[in-house]
Each structure stands twice: as C-alpha cells, then as structure tokens.
Amino acid sequence: MRAYGRRRMLALAAGLLAAATACSGSGEPASSPVAAATSAAAAPTTPSVAPGVSLSEAANAFSEYIVTDDLLRAAGERRLGRELARDGRADLTTADFASTDDRPARHSWGTPTFLVPRLLPDEPLWFSVVVPRDNRTAVLTFAKGPDWRLSALALLLPGQRLPEVKLDTSGYAEVVGSEDKGVQISPRYIAPLHATIAERGPAGIAAGLIAAGPYTTETAAEIADSRAAAKKDGFTYDSIFSAADYPVYALRTVDGGALVQYSLLRTTSMNSVISVSPFLPVPPEGRWALTREQYRDNIKIFETQQYVATVPPASAATVIAYDGAITKGSGL
C-alpha cells in the first residue's frame, strides 16, 4: 500500500469510527498521536552518507501507525488492521482481532524514543521505537516495503532494562550485521539457540550462550512437567520451537554488544495413545482458534512469539522483552 493508499485507509478508518460511535453513543476517546523524540546518547563521528530513513520519516511513520491502528481497533476492522503489519506481526494482529470477536484492546502511548539505523537507501529499510504503552515499555520495529508496516513488537519483562544504544552525532544508530563476530552470538544465530534452550533447557547446546530465565530454561521445565503429566493421563505432549523466517533486527549498544529483535514459532501437540484416553483439553486462550473445547485424537496449537534480547560482547544473551499469542490450531 503506497502513501495514497495509506491515507485512504486512514480516511476510511475515521469514517468507520465515526459511524460506530454514532451507533453506540460511546464517548471513548481515541489515543492521541505522540510527539517525536530521539535519544540523547552520545556519538561517534557522523558518516557523510545520507541515511535511507530519516529521523523525521520514522517519527511520521510511527505517529501515522498509532492513529490508524487505534481507529481500526475501535471499528473492529480486522482486515485493514492486518494491513498495518507484516512478518510475524501480521498473524499476531489477526489473532488479536479474532480472539476478541473483533474487539481488540485499544492502547495508550507515551513519548517515543526512536532508534533509527543509518542505512543506505538501497538496503532493506527499518527503524525501532522504544515507547511506553499501557504502562509498560514496548519495543517496536517497522520495516519498509511499498509502505511502512509494523514487523515486530515486544514488551519489556519485569525487572529488565534496555541497554543504551550507540548513536552517532546526528542521532542515528549503528546496525550489527547478521554475521557480526564481535558479539557472543551473531544476530542470525540467536533465534535458533533460543529455540534450543526453550526445548531442552540447560542441558542443550545453548547452555552458557542464552541466560536462564522466563521463556528459556523455565519454558523447558514447563514442557517437561506437561509431558510427564500428560503421560499419566494417557496422552502424549510435546512442544517444539523453531526460528521464524522473518527479519532479525540488531543495533549496537554502547558496551559493544547488540540489542536484537527476532521471532520464534512454537508448535504444541497432544495425542491420545490409548483407547480409553480422556478427551484432550484445549487451553482457554486457544479456544477461539479451534471449533471445540476438547478433542478425542489430537490437537495442534501454533504460536508466534516475538522477543528482544541483549547480546553482550562476551557473555550470555538475555531475553528482556516478549510478546506472543496463539495464531491458529487444529484438532480431531
């Protein structure tokens, strides 16, 4: 969707919201656009090449996104809402609408800080935003095709802090290449290693590379417990993670490490193994994606998960932010 198409969508969304408000009599206000802000972090020298994405373009794209997203959420416009997203975020947006009968939560936004990499115009263009959302810190990354769309979003976990990103004198961030060997884990390998430790825990090959905690070793322990409980009840349980074929975004931090945003896919399966097995229960959060609350033979549940991790120069990577949901399911 080009710029004209996005303006047309915004006009349509505004019309839908006006109609919905007129019918319902609701006086709920839409979220207000926020003012652009950039990090004041200090700087190495500024390259002479003009960036492919300017700070002002990033600010405009973000402001347009939050206004349009709010209007479409208020109007329950699932199809148009999905068009604001791409990559793993597209399925998560669809699930957000579908799981709430097209009444997804509307969000309130604070003042953003923009992390805009100095990219060449012919490179894949993207930028990140750190911003308060509903009293939590969100990390969003937008990528540009014909237009700007939300590619990734994760919420800072309790007790975690975002590291300071390295900026040049003009306020642009430094990209960490996918094969960069200056950090403990090159950005392209963090998702597969995370998948390994989430499945196998500290006994896997990722031990010492990915820090223990929620969404890593604790997830592996939960899978082991669920597998043991399922066996007692007469069915099998397994949960497998894989690195999603979506972009990985990485920026240099002032300590020489990296801040990396990436996605995982999780597939959870339950199968009956004896003729007297009880019906397989569908977890409450996944019932919107299946037609029944329980099945006799098997269930598969698919999740899309998005993360932010810090990768120091020479120590274990730590998961600091997460967002994800069930995006589809099947059963017999």
C-alpha atoms as a PDB file:
ATOM      1  CA  MET A   1       0.000   0.000   0.000  1.00  0.00           C
ATOM      2  CA  ARG A   2       1.575   3.277  -1.111  1.00  0.00           C
ATOM      3  CA  ALA A   3       1.222   6.614   0.630  1.00  0.00           C
ATOM      4  CA  TYR A   4      -2.062   7.401  -1.140  1.00  0.00           C
ATOM      5  CA  GLY A   5      -3.441   4.014  -0.138  1.00  0.00           C
ATOM      6  CA  ARG A   6      -2.469   4.567   3.500  1.00  0.00           C
ATOM      7  CA  ARG A   7      -4.151   7.981   3.549  1.00  0.00           C
ATOM      8  CA  ARG A   8      -7.226   6.383   2.020  1.00  0.00           C
ATOM      9  CA  MET A   9      -7.176   3.710   4.740  1.00  0.00           C
ATOM     10  CA  LEU A  10      -6.909   6.379   7.430  1.00  0.00           C
ATOM     11  CA  ALA A  11      -9.895   8.224   5.951  1.00  0.00           C
ATOM     12  CA  LEU A  12     -11.884   5.001   5.763  1.00  0.00           C
ATOM     13  CA  ALA A  13     -10.971   4.099   9.324  1.00  0.00           C
ATOM     14  CA  ALA A  14     -12.041   7.534  10.526  1.00  0.00           C
ATOM     15  CA  GLY A  15     -15.373   7.091   8.755  1.00  0.00           C
ATOM     16  CA  LEU A  16     -15.872   3.663  10.297  1.00  0.00           C
ATOM     17  CA  LEU A  17     -15.068   5.016  13.752  1.00  0.00           C
ATOM     18  CA  ALA A  18     -17.493   7.902  13.321  1.00  0.00           C
ATOM     19  CA  ALA A  19     -20.237   5.505  12.273  1.00  0.00           C
ATOM     20  CA  ALA A  20     -19.517   3.143  15.158  1.00  0.00           C
ATOM     21  CA  THR A  21     -19.532   5.998  17.658  1.00  0.00           C
ATOM     22  CA  ALA A  22     -22.785   7.373  16.276  1.00  0.00           C
ATOM     23  CA  CYS A  23     -24.432   3.962  16.635  1.00  0.00           C
ATOM     24  CA  SER A  24     -23.100   3.148  20.089  1.00  0.00           C
ATOM     25  CA  GLY A  25     -23.140   6.584  21.663  1.00  0.00           C
ATOM     26  CA  SER A  26     -19.743   5.798  23.183  1.00  0.00           C
ATOM     27  CA  GLY A  27     -17.663   8.784  24.190  1.00  0.00           C
ATOM     28  CA  GLU A  28     -14.389   6.808  24.455  1.00  0.00           C
ATOM     29  CA  PRO A  29     -11.599   8.952  23.024  1.00  0.00           C
ATOM     30  CA  ALA A  30      -9.070   7.699  20.518  1.00  0.00           C
ATOM     31  CA  SER A  31      -5.415   7.579  21.537  1.00  0.00           C
ATOM     32  CA  SER A  32      -3.648  10.827  20.809  1.00  0.00           C
ATOM     33  CA  PRO A  33      -0.650  10.943  18.473  1.00  0.00           C
ATOM     34  CA  VAL A  34       2.618  11.394  20.281  1.00  0.00           C
ATOM     35  CA  ALA A  35       5.427  13.830  19.759  1.00  0.00           C
ATOM     36  CA  ALA A  36       8.658  12.543  18.234  1.00  0.00           C
ATOM     37  CA  ALA A  37      11.706  12.253  20.467  1.00  0.00           C
ATOM     38  CA  THR A  38      15.198  10.967  19.872  1.00  0.00           C
ATOM     39  CA  SER A  39      17.724   9.521  22.272  1.00  0.00           C
ATOM     40  CA  ALA A  40      20.295  11.958  23.531  1.00  0.00           C
ATOM     41  CA  ALA A  41      23.029   9.325  23.707  1.00  0.00           C
ATOM     42  CA  ALA A  42      26.481  10.465  22.749  1.00  0.00           C
ATOM     43  CA  ALA A  43      28.138   9.888  19.456  1.00  0.00           C
ATOM     44  CA  PRO A  44      30.986   8.801  17.337  1.00  0.00           C
ATOM     45  CA  THR A  45      31.617  10.818  14.196  1.00  0.00           C
ATOM     46  CA  THR A  46      28.792  11.089  11.687  1.00  0.00           C
ATOM     47  CA  PRO A  47      29.239   9.467   8.250  1.00  0.00           C
ATOM     48  CA  SER A  48      28.663  11.748   5.269  1.00  0.00           C
ATOM     49  CA  VAL A  49      26.200   9.386   3.526  1.00  0.00           C
ATOM     50  CA  ALA A  50      22.580  10.459   3.950  1.00  0.00           C
ATOM     51  CA  PRO A  51      20.556   7.780   5.747  1.00  0.00           C
ATOM     52  CA  GLY A  52      17.919   5.781   3.881  1.00  0.00           C
ATOM     53  CA  VAL A  53      15.487   6.542   6.727  1.00  0.00           C
ATOM     54  CA  SER A  54      15.489   9.949   8.391  1.00  0.00           C
ATOM     55  CA  LEU A  55      14.538  10.583  11.997  1.00  0.00           C
ATOM     56  CA  SER A  56      11.593  12.694  10.858  1.00  0.00           C
ATOM     57  CA  GLU A  57      10.354   9.979   8.488  1.00  0.00           C
ATOM     58  CA  ALA A  58      10.476   7.463  11.325  1.00  0.00           C
ATOM     59  CA  ALA A  59       8.541   9.826  13.609  1.00  0.00           C
ATOM     60  CA  ASN A  60       5.882  10.422  10.960  1.00  0.00           C
ATOM     61  CA  ALA A  61       5.512   6.703  10.204  1.00  0.00           C
ATOM     62  CA  PHE A  62       5.089   5.862  13.878  1.00  0.00           C
ATOM     63  CA  SER A  63       2.551   8.631  14.515  1.00  0.00           C
ATOM     64  CA  GLU A  64       0.543   7.558  11.465  1.00  0.00           C
ATOM     65  CA  TYR A  65       0.618   3.948  12.624  1.00  0.00           C
ATOM     66  CA  ILE A  66      -0.706   4.556  16.148  1.00  0.00           C
ATOM     67  CA  VAL A  67      -3.525   6.809  14.926  1.00  0.00           C
ATOM     68  CA  THR A  68      -4.626   4.404  12.190  1.00  0.00           C
ATOM     69  CA  ASP A  69      -4.254   1.338  14.399  1.00  0.00           C
ATOM     70  CA  ASP A  70      -6.431   2.904  17.082  1.00  0.00           C
ATOM     71  CA  LEU A  71      -9.165   3.819  14.599  1.00  0.00           C
ATOM     72  CA  LEU A  72      -9.209   0.320  13.119  1.00  0.00           C
ATOM     73  CA  ARG A  73      -9.323  -1.302  16.559  1.00  0.00           C
ATOM     74  CA  ALA A  74     -12.231   0.922  17.559  1.00  0.00           C
ATOM     75  CA  ALA A  75     -14.069  -0.008  14.343  1.00  0.00           C
ATOM     76  CA  GLY A  76     -13.265  -3.742  14.620  1.00  0.00           C
ATOM     77  CA  GLU A  77     -11.658  -3.734  11.167  1.00  0.00           C
ATOM     78  CA  ARG A  78      -9.630  -6.958  11.195  1.00  0.00           C
ATOM     79  CA  ARG A  79      -8.657  -6.994   7.515  1.00  0.00           C
ATOM     80  CA  LEU A  80      -7.448  -3.406   7.450  1.00  0.00           C
ATOM     81  CA  GLY A  81      -5.769  -3.846  10.817  1.00  0.00           C
ATOM     82  CA  ARG A  82      -3.714  -6.698   9.405  1.00  0.00           C
ATOM     83  CA  GLU A  83      -2.594  -4.457   6.544  1.00  0.00           C
ATOM     84  CA  LEU A  84      -0.713  -2.275   9.028  1.00  0.00           C
ATOM     85  CA  ALA A  85       1.534  -5.243   9.887  1.00  0.00           C
ATOM     86  CA  ARG A  86       3.889  -7.697   8.201  1.00  0.00           C
ATOM     87  CA  ASP A  87       6.059 -10.710   9.010  1.00  0.00           C
ATOM     88  CA  GLY A  88       5.110 -12.355  12.307  1.00  0.00           C
ATOM     89  CA  ARG A  89       3.176  -9.301  13.403  1.00  0.00           C
ATOM     90  CA  ALA A  90       0.569  -9.842  10.677  1.00  0.00           C
ATOM     91  CA  ASP A  91      -0.590 -13.166  12.187  1.00  0.00           C
ATOM     92  CA  LEU A  92      -0.453 -11.740  15.708  1.00  0.00           C
ATOM     93  CA  THR A  93      -2.630  -8.810  14.631  1.00  0.00           C
ATOM     94  CA  THR A  94      -5.173 -11.162  13.067  1.00  0.00           C
ATOM     95  CA  ALA A  95      -5.206 -13.237  16.264  1.00  0.00           C
ATOM     96  CA  ASP A  96      -5.664 -10.083  18.364  1.00  0.00           C
ATOM     97  CA  PHE A  97      -8.867  -9.290  16.461  1.00  0.00           C
ATOM     98  CA  ALA A  98     -10.129 -12.872  16.045  1.00  0.00           C
ATOM     99  CA  SER A  99      -9.637 -13.865  19.689  1.00  0.00           C
ATOM    100  CA  THR A 100     -11.703 -10.885  20.895  1.00  0.00           C
ATOM    101  CA  ASP A 101     -14.576 -11.097  18.380  1.00  0.00           C
ATOM    102  CA  ASP A 102     -13.084  -8.073  16.633  1.00  0.00           C
ATOM    103  CA  ARG A 103     -12.983  -6.006  19.812  1.00  0.00           C
ATOM    104  CA  PRO A 104      -9.230  -5.845  20.440  1.00  0.00           C
ATOM    105  CA  ALA A 105      -7.870  -3.680  23.210  1.00  0.00           C
ATOM    106  CA  ARG A 106      -7.065  -0.085  22.334  1.00  0.00           C
ATOM    107  CA  HIS A 107      -3.741   1.248  23.569  1.00  0.00           C
ATOM    108  CA  SER A 108      -2.453   4.430  25.143  1.00  0.00           C
ATOM    109  CA  TRP A 109       1.020   5.550  24.091  1.00  0.00           C
ATOM    110  CA  GLY A 110       3.664   7.689  25.759  1.00  0.00           C
ATOM    111  CA  THR A 111       6.559   9.674  24.329  1.00  0.00           C
ATOM    112  CA  PRO A 112       8.666   7.568  21.939  1.00  0.00           C
ATOM    113  CA  THR A 113      12.419   7.290  21.577  1.00  0.00           C
ATOM    114  CA  PHE A 114      13.485   6.470  18.027  1.00  0.00           C
ATOM    115  CA  LEU A 115      16.357   4.114  17.221  1.00  0.00           C
ATOM    116  CA  VAL A 116      16.905   4.740  13.537  1.00  0.00           C
ATOM    117  CA  PRO A 117      19.800   2.882  11.918  1.00  0.00           C
ATOM    118  CA  ARG A 118      21.962   4.686   9.389  1.00  0.00           C
ATOM    119  CA  LEU A 119      21.115   2.525   6.370  1.00  0.00           C
ATOM    120  CA  LEU A 120      21.826   3.085   2.696  1.00  0.00           C
ATOM    121  CA  PRO A 121      18.755   3.884   0.552  1.00  0.00           C
ATOM    122  CA  ASP A 122      19.111   0.605  -1.393  1.00  0.00           C
ATOM    123  CA  GLU A 123      19.255  -1.552   1.775  1.00  0.00           C
ATOM    124  CA  PRO A 124      16.186  -3.063   3.481  1.00  0.00           C
ATOM    125  CA  LEU A 125      14.917  -0.113   5.496  1.00  0.00           C
ATOM    126  CA  TRP A 126      13.707  -0.325   9.089  1.00  0.00           C
ATOM    127  CA  PHE A 127      13.710   1.504  12.396  1.00  0.00           C
ATOM    128  CA  SER A 128      12.844   0.761  16.014  1.00  0.00           C
ATOM    129  CA  VAL A 129      10.866   2.685  18.626  1.00  0.00           C
ATOM    130  CA  VAL A 130      11.003   2.385  22.413  1.00  0.00           C
ATOM    131  CA  VAL A 131       7.791   3.752  23.867  1.00  0.00           C
ATOM    132  CA  PRO A 132       5.510   3.411  26.913  1.00  0.00           C
ATOM    133  CA  ARG A 133       2.323   1.524  26.004  1.00  0.00           C
ATOM    134  CA  ASP A 134      -0.373   0.912  28.590  1.00  0.00           C
ATOM    135  CA  ASN A 135       2.114   1.441  31.454  1.00  0.00           C
ATOM    136  CA  ARG A 136       4.691  -0.959  30.017  1.00  0.00           C
ATOM    137  CA  THR A 137       7.707  -0.322  27.806  1.00  0.00           C
ATOM    138  CA  ALA A 138       7.246  -1.588  24.247  1.00  0.00           C
ATOM    139  CA  VAL A 139       9.913  -2.106  21.603  1.00  0.00           C
ATOM    140  CA  LEU A 140       8.504  -1.870  18.081  1.00  0.00           C
ATOM    141  CA  THR A 141      10.292  -2.303  14.768  1.00  0.00           C
ATOM    142  CA  PHE A 142       8.864  -1.074  11.480  1.00  0.00           C
ATOM    143  CA  ALA A 143      10.071  -2.252   8.063  1.00  0.00           C
ATOM    144  CA  LYS A 144       9.508  -0.598   4.708  1.00  0.00           C
ATOM    145  CA  GLY A 145       8.238  -2.263   1.542  1.00  0.00           C
ATOM    146  CA  PRO A 146       5.776  -0.283  -0.549  1.00  0.00           C
ATOM    147  CA  ASP A 147       4.940   1.403   2.777  1.00  0.00           C
ATOM    148  CA  TRP A 148       5.874   1.259   6.453  1.00  0.00           C
ATOM    149  CA  ARG A 149       4.410  -1.651   8.418  1.00  0.00           C
ATOM    150  CA  LEU A 150       4.896  -2.990  11.932  1.00  0.00           C
ATOM    151  CA  SER A 151       7.180  -6.035  11.777  1.00  0.00           C
ATOM    152  CA  ALA A 152       7.877  -6.791  15.443  1.00  0.00           C
ATOM    153  CA  LEU A 153       6.730  -5.787  18.915  1.00  0.00           C
ATOM    154  CA  ALA A 154       7.768  -6.987  22.370  1.00  0.00           C
ATOM    155  CA  LEU A 155       7.082  -5.741  25.897  1.00  0.00           C
ATOM    156  CA  LEU A 156       9.871  -5.291  28.433  1.00  0.00           C
ATOM    157  CA  LEU A 157       9.796  -8.005  31.089  1.00  0.00           C
ATOM    158  CA  PRO A 158       9.586  -7.090  34.793  1.00  0.00           C
ATOM    159  CA  GLY A 159      12.985  -6.302  36.258  1.00  0.00           C
ATOM    160  CA  GLN A 160      14.670  -5.841  32.870  1.00  0.00           C
ATOM    161  CA  ARG A 161      16.191  -2.668  31.434  1.00  0.00           C
ATOM    162  CA  LEU A 162      17.012  -1.696  27.887  1.00  0.00           C
ATOM    163  CA  PRO A 163      20.706  -1.090  27.250  1.00  0.00           C
ATOM    164  CA  GLU A 164      21.898   2.196  25.795  1.00  0.00           C
ATOM    165  CA  VAL A 165      22.145   2.056  22.005  1.00  0.00           C
ATOM    166  CA  LYS A 166      25.201   3.560  20.310  1.00  0.00           C
ATOM    167  CA  LEU A 167      24.315   6.700  18.306  1.00  0.00           C
ATOM    168  CA  ASP A 168      26.370   8.947  16.068  1.00  0.00           C
ATOM    169  CA  THR A 169      26.476  12.747  16.372  1.00  0.00           C
ATOM    170  CA  SER A 170      23.315  13.082  14.296  1.00  0.00           C
ATOM    171  CA  GLY A 171      21.364  10.628  16.440  1.00  0.00           C
ATOM    172  CA  TYR A 172      21.461   7.606  14.119  1.00  0.00           C
ATOM    173  CA  ALA A 173      22.073   4.105  15.431  1.00  0.00           C
ATOM    174  CA  GLU A 174      24.688   1.603  14.299  1.00  0.00           C
ATOM    175  CA  VAL A 175      23.488  -1.694  12.812  1.00  0.00           C
ATOM    176  CA  VAL A 176      25.019  -5.009  13.877  1.00  0.00           C
ATOM    177  CA  GLY A 177      25.393  -7.271  10.845  1.00  0.00           C
ATOM    178  CA  SER A 178      23.814 -10.722  10.845  1.00  0.00           C
ATOM    179  CA  GLU A 179      27.251 -12.392  10.807  1.00  0.00           C
ATOM    180  CA  ASP A 180      28.952  -9.997  13.231  1.00  0.00           C
ATOM    181  CA  LYS A 181      31.569 -11.902  15.259  1.00  0.00           C
ATOM    182  CA  GLY A 182      32.218  -9.085  17.721  1.00  0.00           C
ATOM    183  CA  VAL A 183      29.399 -10.237  19.996  1.00  0.00           C
ATOM    184  CA  GLN A 184      28.979 -13.557  21.753  1.00  0.00           C
ATOM    185  CA  ILE A 185      26.202 -14.619  19.350  1.00  0.00           C
ATOM    186  CA  SER A 186      25.873 -13.293  15.808  1.00  0.00           C
ATOM    187  CA  PRO A 187      22.309 -11.968  15.331  1.00  0.00           C
ATOM    188  CA  ARG A 188      21.342 -14.679  12.827  1.00  0.00           C
ATOM    189  CA  TYR A 189      22.029 -17.429  15.389  1.00  0.00           C
ATOM    190  CA  ILE A 190      20.202 -16.084  18.420  1.00  0.00           C
ATOM    191  CA  ALA A 191      16.745 -17.374  17.406  1.00  0.00           C
ATOM    192  CA  PRO A 192      17.916 -20.984  16.776  1.00  0.00           C
ATOM    193  CA  LEU A 193      19.855 -21.010  20.060  1.00  0.00           C
ATOM    194  CA  HIS A 194      16.871 -19.602  21.930  1.00  0.00           C
ATOM    195  CA  ALA A 195      14.674 -22.314  20.366  1.00  0.00           C
ATOM    196  CA  THR A 196      17.115 -24.975  21.563  1.00  0.00           C
ATOM    197  CA  ILE A 197      17.242 -23.831  25.182  1.00  0.00           C
ATOM    198  CA  ALA A 198      13.452 -23.358  25.310  1.00  0.00           C
ATOM    199  CA  GLU A 199      13.046 -27.020  24.310  1.00  0.00           C
ATOM    200  CA  ARG A 200      15.957 -28.675  26.122  1.00  0.00           C
ATOM    201  CA  GLY A 201      16.887 -26.341  28.943  1.00  0.00           C
ATOM    202  CA  PRO A 202      20.394 -26.058  30.387  1.00  0.00           C
ATOM    203  CA  ALA A 203      21.377 -29.492  29.063  1.00  0.00           C
ATOM    204  CA  GLY A 204      21.238 -28.302  25.442  1.00  0.00           C
ATOM    205  CA  ILE A 205      23.955 -26.806  23.258  1.00  0.00           C
ATOM    206  CA  ALA A 206      22.742 -23.289  24.072  1.00  0.00           C
ATOM    207  CA  ALA A 207      23.783 -23.615  27.734  1.00  0.00           C
ATOM    208  CA  GLY A 208      26.069 -20.724  28.606  1.00  0.00           C
ATOM    209  CA  LEU A 209      25.058 -18.811  25.485  1.00  0.00           C
ATOM    210  CA  ILE A 210      21.454 -17.973  26.415  1.00  0.00           C
ATOM    211  CA  ALA A 211      20.809 -16.952  30.026  1.00  0.00           C
ATOM    212  CA  ALA A 212      18.423 -18.943  32.208  1.00  0.00           C
ATOM    213  CA  GLY A 213      15.033 -17.442  32.979  1.00  0.00           C
ATOM    214  CA  PRO A 214      11.489 -16.959  31.707  1.00  0.00           C
ATOM    215  CA  TYR A 215      10.973 -18.029  28.074  1.00  0.00           C
ATOM    216  CA  THR A 216      14.233 -20.017  28.090  1.00  0.00           C
ATOM    217  CA  THR A 217      15.068 -22.604  30.789  1.00  0.00           C
ATOM    218  CA  GLU A 218      11.777 -22.038  32.594  1.00  0.00           C
ATOM    219  CA  THR A 219       9.885 -22.848  29.411  1.00  0.00           C
ATOM    220  CA  ALA A 220      11.867 -26.075  29.026  1.00  0.00           C
ATOM    221  CA  ALA A 221      10.969 -27.047  32.603  1.00  0.00           C
ATOM    222  CA  GLU A 222       7.274 -26.345  31.939  1.00  0.00           C
ATOM    223  CA  ILE A 223       7.366 -28.539  28.826  1.00  0.00           C
ATOM    224  CA  ALA A 224       8.972 -31.391  30.786  1.00  0.00           C
ATOM    225  CA  ASP A 225       6.322 -31.112  33.513  1.00  0.00           C
ATOM    226  CA  SER A 226       3.487 -31.044  30.963  1.00  0.00           C
ATOM    227  CA  ARG A 227       4.925 -34.081  29.178  1.00  0.00           C
ATOM    228  CA  ALA A 228       5.081 -36.071  32.420  1.00  0.00           C
ATOM    229  CA  ALA A 229       1.544 -35.082  33.428  1.00  0.00           C
ATOM    230  CA  ALA A 230       0.171 -35.981  30.001  1.00  0.00           C
ATOM    231  CA  LYS A 231       1.750 -39.425  30.140  1.00  0.00           C
ATOM    232  CA  LYS A 232      -0.072 -40.155  33.399  1.00  0.00           C
ATOM    233  CA  ASP A 233      -3.352 -39.107  31.785  1.00  0.00           C
ATOM    234  CA  GLY A 234      -2.916 -41.375  28.763  1.00  0.00           C
ATOM    235  CA  PHE A 235      -1.771 -38.994  26.045  1.00  0.00           C
ATOM    236  CA  THR A 236       1.442 -37.504  24.716  1.00  0.00           C
ATOM    237  CA  TYR A 237       2.537 -33.890  24.902  1.00  0.00           C
ATOM    238  CA  ASP A 238       5.300 -32.152  23.005  1.00  0.00           C
ATOM    239  CA  SER A 239       6.214 -28.560  22.237  1.00  0.00           C
ATOM    240  CA  ILE A 240       8.724 -27.613  19.556  1.00  0.00           C
ATOM    241  CA  PHE A 241      10.309 -24.247  18.794  1.00  0.00           C
ATOM    242  CA  SER A 242      11.781 -23.070  15.513  1.00  0.00           C
ATOM    243  CA  ALA A 243      13.399 -19.883  14.290  1.00  0.00           C
ATOM    244  CA  ALA A 244      10.877 -17.997  12.169  1.00  0.00           C
ATOM    245  CA  ASP A 245      11.786 -16.996   8.642  1.00  0.00           C
ATOM    246  CA  TYR A 246      11.298 -13.318   9.445  1.00  0.00           C
ATOM    247  CA  PRO A 247      13.825 -10.474   9.586  1.00  0.00           C
ATOM    248  CA  VAL A 248      16.143 -10.144  12.585  1.00  0.00           C
ATOM    249  CA  TYR A 249      16.938  -6.588  13.656  1.00  0.00           C
ATOM    250  CA  ALA A 250      20.096  -5.737  15.605  1.00  0.00           C
ATOM    251  CA  LEU A 251      21.623  -2.486  16.854  1.00  0.00           C
ATOM    252  CA  ARG A 252      24.994  -1.835  18.512  1.00  0.00           C
ATOM    253  CA  THR A 253      24.947  -0.958  22.206  1.00  0.00           C
ATOM    254  CA  VAL A 254      27.446   1.381  23.847  1.00  0.00           C
ATOM    255  CA  ASP A 255      29.181  -1.555  25.556  1.00  0.00           C
ATOM    256  CA  GLY A 256      29.976  -3.104  22.173  1.00  0.00           C
ATOM    257  CA  GLY A 257      27.174  -5.652  22.360  1.00  0.00           C
ATOM    258  CA  ALA A 258      23.882  -5.835  20.484  1.00  0.00           C
ATOM    259  CA  LEU A 259      20.161  -5.324  21.017  1.00  0.00           C
ATOM    260  CA  VAL A 260      18.381  -7.930  18.871  1.00  0.00           C
ATOM    261  CA  GLN A 261      14.700  -8.311  17.963  1.00  0.00           C
ATOM    262  CA  TYR A 262      13.577 -11.640  16.470  1.00  0.00           C
ATOM    263  CA  SER A 263      10.720 -14.170  16.274  1.00  0.00           C
ATOM    264  CA  LEU A 264      10.137 -17.818  17.150  1.00  0.00           C
ATOM    265  CA  LEU A 265       7.371 -20.229  16.165  1.00  0.00           C
ATOM    266  CA  ARG A 266       6.050 -22.738  18.719  1.00  0.00           C
ATOM    267  CA  THR A 267       4.035 -25.854  17.858  1.00  0.00           C
ATOM    268  CA  THR A 268       2.415 -27.762  20.727  1.00  0.00           C
ATOM    269  CA  SER A 269       0.944 -31.217  20.051  1.00  0.00           C
ATOM    270  CA  MET A 270      -1.196 -33.551  22.171  1.00  0.00           C
ATOM    271  CA  ASN A 271      -2.136 -37.065  21.004  1.00  0.00           C
ATOM    272  CA  SER A 272      -4.198 -39.857  22.529  1.00  0.00           C
ATOM    273  CA  VAL A 273      -2.255 -43.119  22.874  1.00  0.00           C
ATOM    274  CA  ILE A 274      -4.780 -45.493  24.460  1.00  0.00           C
ATOM    275  CA  SER A 275      -8.401 -46.164  23.607  1.00  0.00           C
ATOM    276  CA  VAL A 276      -9.656 -45.004  26.989  1.00  0.00           C
ATOM    277  CA  SER A 277      -7.782 -41.694  26.919  1.00  0.00           C
ATOM    278  CA  PRO A 278      -9.800 -38.757  28.186  1.00  0.00           C
ATOM    279  CA  PHE A 279     -10.725 -36.036  25.759  1.00  0.00           C
ATOM    280  CA  LEU A 280      -7.816 -33.703  25.045  1.00  0.00           C
ATOM    281  CA  PRO A 281      -8.486 -30.248  26.517  1.00  0.00           C
ATOM    282  CA  VAL A 282      -7.959 -27.065  24.522  1.00  0.00           C
ATOM    283  CA  PRO A 283      -6.338 -24.328  26.660  1.00  0.00           C
ATOM    284  CA  PRO A 284      -8.750 -21.419  27.219  1.00  0.00           C
ATOM    285  CA  GLU A 285      -6.525 -18.938  25.355  1.00  0.00           C
ATOM    286  CA  GLY A 286      -6.647 -21.170  22.257  1.00  0.00           C
ATOM    287  CA  ARG A 287     -10.352 -21.925  22.083  1.00  0.00           C
ATOM    288  CA  TRP A 288     -11.028 -19.111  19.644  1.00  0.00           C
ATOM    289  CA  ALA A 289      -8.740 -20.867  17.110  1.00  0.00           C
ATOM    290  CA  LEU A 290     -10.451 -24.292  17.331  1.00  0.00           C
ATOM    291  CA  THR A 291     -14.086 -25.234  16.933  1.00  0.00           C
ATOM    292  CA  ARG A 292     -14.410 -27.235  20.163  1.00  0.00           C
ATOM    293  CA  GLU A 293     -13.162 -27.156  23.736  1.00  0.00           C
ATOM    294  CA  GLN A 294     -11.856 -30.737  23.612  1.00  0.00           C
ATOM    295  CA  TYR A 295     -10.882 -33.387  21.064  1.00  0.00           C
ATOM    296  CA  ARG A 296     -10.581 -37.166  21.086  1.00  0.00           C
ATOM    297  CA  ASP A 297      -7.473 -37.919  18.963  1.00  0.00           C
ATOM    298  CA  ASN A 298      -5.094 -34.993  18.649  1.00  0.00           C
ATOM    299  CA  ILE A 299      -4.612 -31.251  18.973  1.00  0.00           C
ATOM    300  CA  LYS A 300      -2.035 -28.917  17.451  1.00  0.00           C
ATOM    301  CA  ILE A 301      -1.618 -25.342  18.606  1.00  0.00           C
ATOM    302  CA  PHE A 302       0.597 -22.832  16.812  1.00  0.00           C
ATOM    303  CA  GLU A 303       2.074 -19.697  18.378  1.00  0.00           C
ATOM    304  CA  THR A 304       4.052 -16.762  17.042  1.00  0.00           C
ATOM    305  CA  GLN A 305       6.410 -15.253  19.595  1.00  0.00           C
ATOM    306  CA  GLN A 306       8.489 -12.088  19.346  1.00  0.00           C
ATOM    307  CA  TYR A 307      11.458 -11.259  21.550  1.00  0.00           C
ATOM    308  CA  VAL A 308      14.140  -8.702  22.294  1.00  0.00           C
ATOM    309  CA  ALA A 309      17.448  -9.915  23.704  1.00  0.00           C
ATOM    310  CA  THR A 310      20.639  -8.205  24.780  1.00  0.00           C
ATOM    311  CA  VAL A 311      23.815  -9.836  23.481  1.00  0.00           C
ATOM    312  CA  PRO A 312      26.930  -8.617  25.319  1.00  0.00           C
ATOM    313  CA  PRO A 313      30.343  -8.742  23.617  1.00  0.00           C
ATOM    314  CA  ALA A 314      31.431 -11.853  25.547  1.00  0.00           C
ATOM    315  CA  SER A 315      28.718 -13.214  27.841  1.00  0.00           C
ATOM    316  CA  ALA A 316      25.338 -14.932  27.675  1.00  0.00           C
ATOM    317  CA  ALA A 317      22.463 -13.307  25.798  1.00  0.00           C
ATOM    318  CA  THR A 318      19.490 -12.342  27.970  1.00  0.00           C
ATOM    319  CA  VAL A 319      15.862 -12.217  26.879  1.00  0.00           C
ATOM    320  CA  ILE A 320      14.482  -8.877  28.081  1.00  0.00           C
ATOM    321  CA  ALA A 321      11.190  -8.450  26.198  1.00  0.00           C
ATOM    322  CA  TYR A 322       8.430 -10.680  24.831  1.00  0.00           C
ATOM    323  CA  ASP A 323       5.051 -10.676  23.130  1.00  0.00           C
ATOM    324  CA  GLY A 324       3.228 -13.551  21.515  1.00  0.00           C
ATOM    325  CA  ALA A 325      -0.017 -15.431  21.129  1.00  0.00           C
ATOM    326  CA  ILE A 326      -1.705 -18.485  19.660  1.00  0.00           C
ATOM    327  CA  THR A 327      -2.289 -17.772  15.980  1.00  0.00           C
ATOM    328  CA  LYS A 328      -4.061 -20.974  14.825  1.00  0.00           C
ATOM    329  CA  GLY A 329      -4.931 -24.503  15.875  1.00  0.00           C
ATOM    330  CA  SER A 330      -6.314 -27.805  14.617  1.00  0.00           C
ATOM    331  CA  GLY A 331      -7.792 -30.950  16.178  1.00  0.00           C
ATOM    332  CA  LEU A 332      -9.513 -34.279  15.536  1.00  0.00           C
END
